[in-house]
Amino acid sequence: MKNFTTINCPVTITAIGFDGGLHAYPKRMEWDGQTYLFIDRGIRVRRGESMCGSVTMTNGKQNFCLKRTAGSWMLVSMSEYV
């Protein structure tokens, strides 16, 4: 079971990584006074031929849905396993 919370709040991405196609993805995020380190490259959402900028990441305990808009990142939602 997951606890799901809609957040819609800007976050600071403090580290990024690059996949084989040189697409950037968040590796570390700061939000609400805490730092979250992601353990994967995330799942990207694709619309048609272009990427829409939405990615779901995990730190092993929680899932985070992030959306990139105009060069900044927004934390859309968070879910936690209970």
N, C-alpha and C. Protein backbone atom coordinates (compact mmCIF):
# COMPACT_ATOMS: atom_id res chain seq x y z
N MET A 1 0.84 -1.18 0.00
CA MET A 1 0.00 0.00 0.00
C MET A 1 0.88 1.24 0.00
N LYS A 2 0.42 2.30 -0.68
CA LYS A 2 1.17 3.54 -0.75
C LYS A 2 0.35 4.68 -0.20
N ASN A 3 1.02 5.60 0.48
CA ASN A 3 0.42 6.88 0.82
C ASN A 3 0.78 7.83 -0.31
N PHE A 4 -0.21 8.42 -0.96
CA PHE A 4 0.01 9.31 -2.10
C PHE A 4 -0.33 10.73 -1.69
N THR A 5 0.59 11.67 -1.97
CA THR A 5 0.38 13.07 -1.63
C THR A 5 0.66 13.94 -2.85
N THR A 6 -0.30 14.78 -3.22
CA THR A 6 -0.09 15.76 -4.28
C THR A 6 0.58 16.97 -3.65
N ILE A 7 1.67 17.47 -4.29
CA ILE A 7 2.45 18.53 -3.68
C ILE A 7 2.47 19.80 -4.53
N ASN A 8 2.87 19.71 -5.80
CA ASN A 8 2.95 20.86 -6.72
C ASN A 8 3.74 22.02 -6.12
N CYS A 9 5.01 21.76 -5.83
CA CYS A 9 5.88 22.75 -5.19
C CYS A 9 7.24 22.75 -5.91
N PRO A 10 7.84 23.94 -6.13
CA PRO A 10 9.17 23.97 -6.73
C PRO A 10 10.21 23.32 -5.81
N VAL A 11 11.18 22.63 -6.40
CA VAL A 11 12.26 22.00 -5.66
C VAL A 11 13.59 22.41 -6.27
N THR A 12 14.66 22.19 -5.54
CA THR A 12 16.01 22.47 -6.03
C THR A 12 16.69 21.15 -6.34
N ILE A 13 17.13 21.00 -7.57
CA ILE A 13 17.90 19.82 -7.98
C ILE A 13 19.37 20.18 -7.80
N THR A 14 20.06 19.46 -6.91
CA THR A 14 21.44 19.82 -6.56
C THR A 14 22.48 18.94 -7.24
N ALA A 15 22.06 17.90 -7.95
CA ALA A 15 22.97 17.06 -8.73
C ALA A 15 22.19 16.42 -9.87
N ILE A 16 22.82 16.33 -11.03
CA ILE A 16 22.19 15.69 -12.17
C ILE A 16 23.12 14.63 -12.75
N GLY A 17 22.55 13.68 -13.46
CA GLY A 17 23.30 12.67 -14.18
C GLY A 17 22.87 12.69 -15.63
N PHE A 18 23.56 11.92 -16.46
CA PHE A 18 23.23 11.84 -17.88
C PHE A 18 23.16 10.38 -18.29
N ASP A 19 22.13 10.05 -19.06
CA ASP A 19 22.00 8.68 -19.55
C ASP A 19 22.81 8.52 -20.84
N GLY A 20 22.73 7.36 -21.47
CA GLY A 20 23.49 7.08 -22.68
C GLY A 20 23.18 8.01 -23.84
N GLY A 21 21.97 8.56 -23.88
CA GLY A 21 21.58 9.51 -24.92
C GLY A 21 21.84 10.95 -24.52
N LEU A 22 22.59 11.15 -23.45
CA LEU A 22 22.93 12.46 -22.89
C LEU A 22 21.71 13.27 -22.47
N HIS A 23 20.65 12.59 -22.04
CA HIS A 23 19.51 13.26 -21.44
C HIS A 23 19.79 13.42 -19.94
N ALA A 24 19.58 14.61 -19.43
CA ALA A 24 19.83 14.88 -18.01
C ALA A 24 18.69 14.33 -17.16
N TYR A 25 19.03 13.84 -15.98
CA TYR A 25 18.03 13.40 -15.01
C TYR A 25 18.50 13.79 -13.61
N PRO A 26 17.56 14.06 -12.69
CA PRO A 26 17.94 14.46 -11.33
C PRO A 26 18.58 13.30 -10.56
N LYS A 27 19.62 13.61 -9.79
CA LYS A 27 20.25 12.62 -8.92
C LYS A 27 20.04 12.95 -7.45
N ARG A 28 19.88 14.24 -7.15
CA ARG A 28 19.70 14.68 -5.77
C ARG A 28 18.77 15.90 -5.75
N MET A 29 17.87 15.93 -4.77
CA MET A 29 16.88 16.99 -4.69
C MET A 29 16.80 17.51 -3.26
N GLU A 30 16.60 18.81 -3.12
CA GLU A 30 16.34 19.42 -1.82
C GLU A 30 14.92 19.96 -1.82
N TRP A 31 14.18 19.59 -0.77
CA TRP A 31 12.81 20.05 -0.63
C TRP A 31 12.42 20.03 0.83
N ASP A 32 11.81 21.09 1.28
CA ASP A 32 11.28 21.19 2.63
C ASP A 32 12.35 20.90 3.70
N GLY A 33 13.56 21.40 3.46
CA GLY A 33 14.64 21.25 4.43
C GLY A 33 15.33 19.90 4.45
N GLN A 34 14.97 19.01 3.49
CA GLN A 34 15.60 17.69 3.44
C GLN A 34 16.23 17.45 2.08
N THR A 35 17.23 16.59 2.06
CA THR A 35 17.88 16.19 0.83
C THR A 35 17.50 14.75 0.50
N TYR A 36 17.14 14.51 -0.74
CA TYR A 36 16.75 13.18 -1.21
C TYR A 36 17.71 12.75 -2.31
N LEU A 37 18.30 11.57 -2.17
CA LEU A 37 19.23 11.02 -3.15
C LEU A 37 18.51 9.92 -3.92
N PHE A 38 18.41 10.08 -5.23
CA PHE A 38 17.71 9.12 -6.07
C PHE A 38 18.63 7.97 -6.45
N ILE A 39 18.08 6.76 -6.49
CA ILE A 39 18.89 5.57 -6.74
C ILE A 39 18.71 5.03 -8.16
N ASP A 40 17.91 5.71 -8.99
CA ASP A 40 17.71 5.25 -10.36
C ASP A 40 17.67 6.44 -11.31
N ARG A 41 17.51 6.16 -12.58
CA ARG A 41 17.42 7.21 -13.59
C ARG A 41 15.99 7.67 -13.82
N GLY A 42 15.05 7.00 -13.20
CA GLY A 42 13.66 7.40 -13.30
C GLY A 42 12.96 6.84 -14.53
N ILE A 43 11.67 7.03 -14.56
CA ILE A 43 10.84 6.65 -15.69
C ILE A 43 10.34 7.93 -16.33
N ARG A 44 10.68 8.14 -17.58
CA ARG A 44 10.28 9.36 -18.29
C ARG A 44 8.97 9.15 -19.03
N VAL A 45 8.19 10.21 -19.11
CA VAL A 45 6.93 10.18 -19.84
C VAL A 45 7.16 10.83 -21.20
N ARG A 46 6.73 10.14 -22.25
CA ARG A 46 6.92 10.64 -23.61
C ARG A 46 5.55 10.93 -24.22
N ARG A 47 5.45 12.09 -24.86
CA ARG A 47 4.24 12.46 -25.59
C ARG A 47 4.61 12.66 -27.04
N GLY A 48 4.14 11.77 -27.90
CA GLY A 48 4.46 11.88 -29.32
C GLY A 48 5.95 11.72 -29.55
N GLU A 49 6.53 12.65 -30.27
CA GLU A 49 7.95 12.59 -30.61
C GLU A 49 8.84 13.28 -29.58
N SER A 50 8.27 14.02 -28.65
CA SER A 50 9.11 14.76 -27.71
C SER A 50 8.86 14.33 -26.27
N MET A 51 9.83 14.59 -25.42
CA MET A 51 9.70 14.32 -24.00
C MET A 51 8.91 15.47 -23.37
N CYS A 52 8.00 15.15 -22.47
CA CYS A 52 7.20 16.21 -21.86
C CYS A 52 7.84 16.75 -20.59
N GLY A 53 8.92 16.15 -20.13
CA GLY A 53 9.63 16.68 -18.97
C GLY A 53 9.18 16.11 -17.64
N SER A 54 8.37 15.08 -17.64
CA SER A 54 7.91 14.46 -16.41
C SER A 54 8.71 13.18 -16.16
N VAL A 55 9.14 12.98 -14.92
CA VAL A 55 9.94 11.81 -14.58
C VAL A 55 9.56 11.34 -13.17
N THR A 56 9.50 10.03 -13.00
CA THR A 56 9.24 9.45 -11.68
C THR A 56 10.52 8.83 -11.16
N MET A 57 10.95 9.26 -9.97
CA MET A 57 12.21 8.84 -9.37
C MET A 57 11.93 8.15 -8.05
N THR A 58 12.91 7.38 -7.55
CA THR A 58 12.78 6.75 -6.23
C THR A 58 14.07 6.90 -5.44
N ASN A 59 13.92 6.93 -4.12
CA ASN A 59 15.09 6.89 -3.24
C ASN A 59 15.13 5.55 -2.50
N GLY A 60 14.29 4.60 -2.92
CA GLY A 60 14.24 3.30 -2.30
C GLY A 60 13.11 3.15 -1.29
N LYS A 61 12.62 4.26 -0.78
CA LYS A 61 11.53 4.25 0.20
C LYS A 61 10.31 5.02 -0.29
N GLN A 62 10.57 6.00 -1.14
CA GLN A 62 9.51 6.87 -1.65
C GLN A 62 9.67 7.03 -3.15
N ASN A 63 8.55 7.30 -3.82
CA ASN A 63 8.55 7.66 -5.23
C ASN A 63 8.20 9.13 -5.36
N PHE A 64 8.87 9.81 -6.28
CA PHE A 64 8.67 11.23 -6.50
C PHE A 64 8.37 11.46 -7.97
N CYS A 65 7.29 12.17 -8.26
CA CYS A 65 6.98 12.56 -9.63
C CYS A 65 7.41 14.01 -9.80
N LEU A 66 8.37 14.23 -10.69
CA LEU A 66 8.93 15.56 -10.93
C LEU A 66 8.59 16.01 -12.34
N LYS A 67 8.37 17.30 -12.51
CA LYS A 67 8.10 17.85 -13.83
C LYS A 67 9.02 19.03 -14.07
N ARG A 68 9.62 19.05 -15.24
CA ARG A 68 10.52 20.14 -15.59
C ARG A 68 9.76 21.15 -16.43
N THR A 69 9.77 22.40 -15.98
CA THR A 69 9.11 23.47 -16.72
C THR A 69 10.00 24.70 -16.72
N ALA A 70 10.26 25.21 -17.89
CA ALA A 70 11.04 26.45 -18.07
C ALA A 70 12.36 26.44 -17.30
N GLY A 71 13.07 25.31 -17.32
CA GLY A 71 14.38 25.23 -16.70
C GLY A 71 14.39 24.97 -15.21
N SER A 72 13.22 24.88 -14.59
CA SER A 72 13.17 24.57 -13.15
C SER A 72 12.37 23.29 -12.95
N TRP A 73 12.45 22.74 -11.75
CA TRP A 73 11.78 21.47 -11.44
C TRP A 73 10.68 21.69 -10.41
N MET A 74 9.57 20.98 -10.61
CA MET A 74 8.42 21.03 -9.73
C MET A 74 8.17 19.61 -9.21
N LEU A 75 8.01 19.48 -7.90
CA LEU A 75 7.63 18.20 -7.30
C LEU A 75 6.11 18.11 -7.39
N VAL A 76 5.62 17.22 -8.26
CA VAL A 76 4.20 17.09 -8.50
C VAL A 76 3.54 16.27 -7.40
N SER A 77 4.16 15.11 -7.09
CA SER A 77 3.57 14.24 -6.08
C SER A 77 4.64 13.35 -5.46
N MET A 78 4.28 12.76 -4.34
CA MET A 78 5.17 11.84 -3.63
C MET A 78 4.32 10.71 -3.09
N SER A 79 4.84 9.49 -3.17
CA SER A 79 4.15 8.35 -2.58
C SER A 79 5.15 7.57 -1.74
N GLU A 80 4.64 7.02 -0.67
CA GLU A 80 5.50 6.31 0.28
C GLU A 80 4.89 4.95 0.58
N TYR A 81 5.73 3.92 0.60
CA TYR A 81 5.25 2.59 0.93
C TYR A 81 5.06 2.48 2.43
N VAL A 82 3.94 1.94 2.84
CA VAL A 82 3.67 1.74 4.28
C VAL A 82 3.36 0.29 4.55
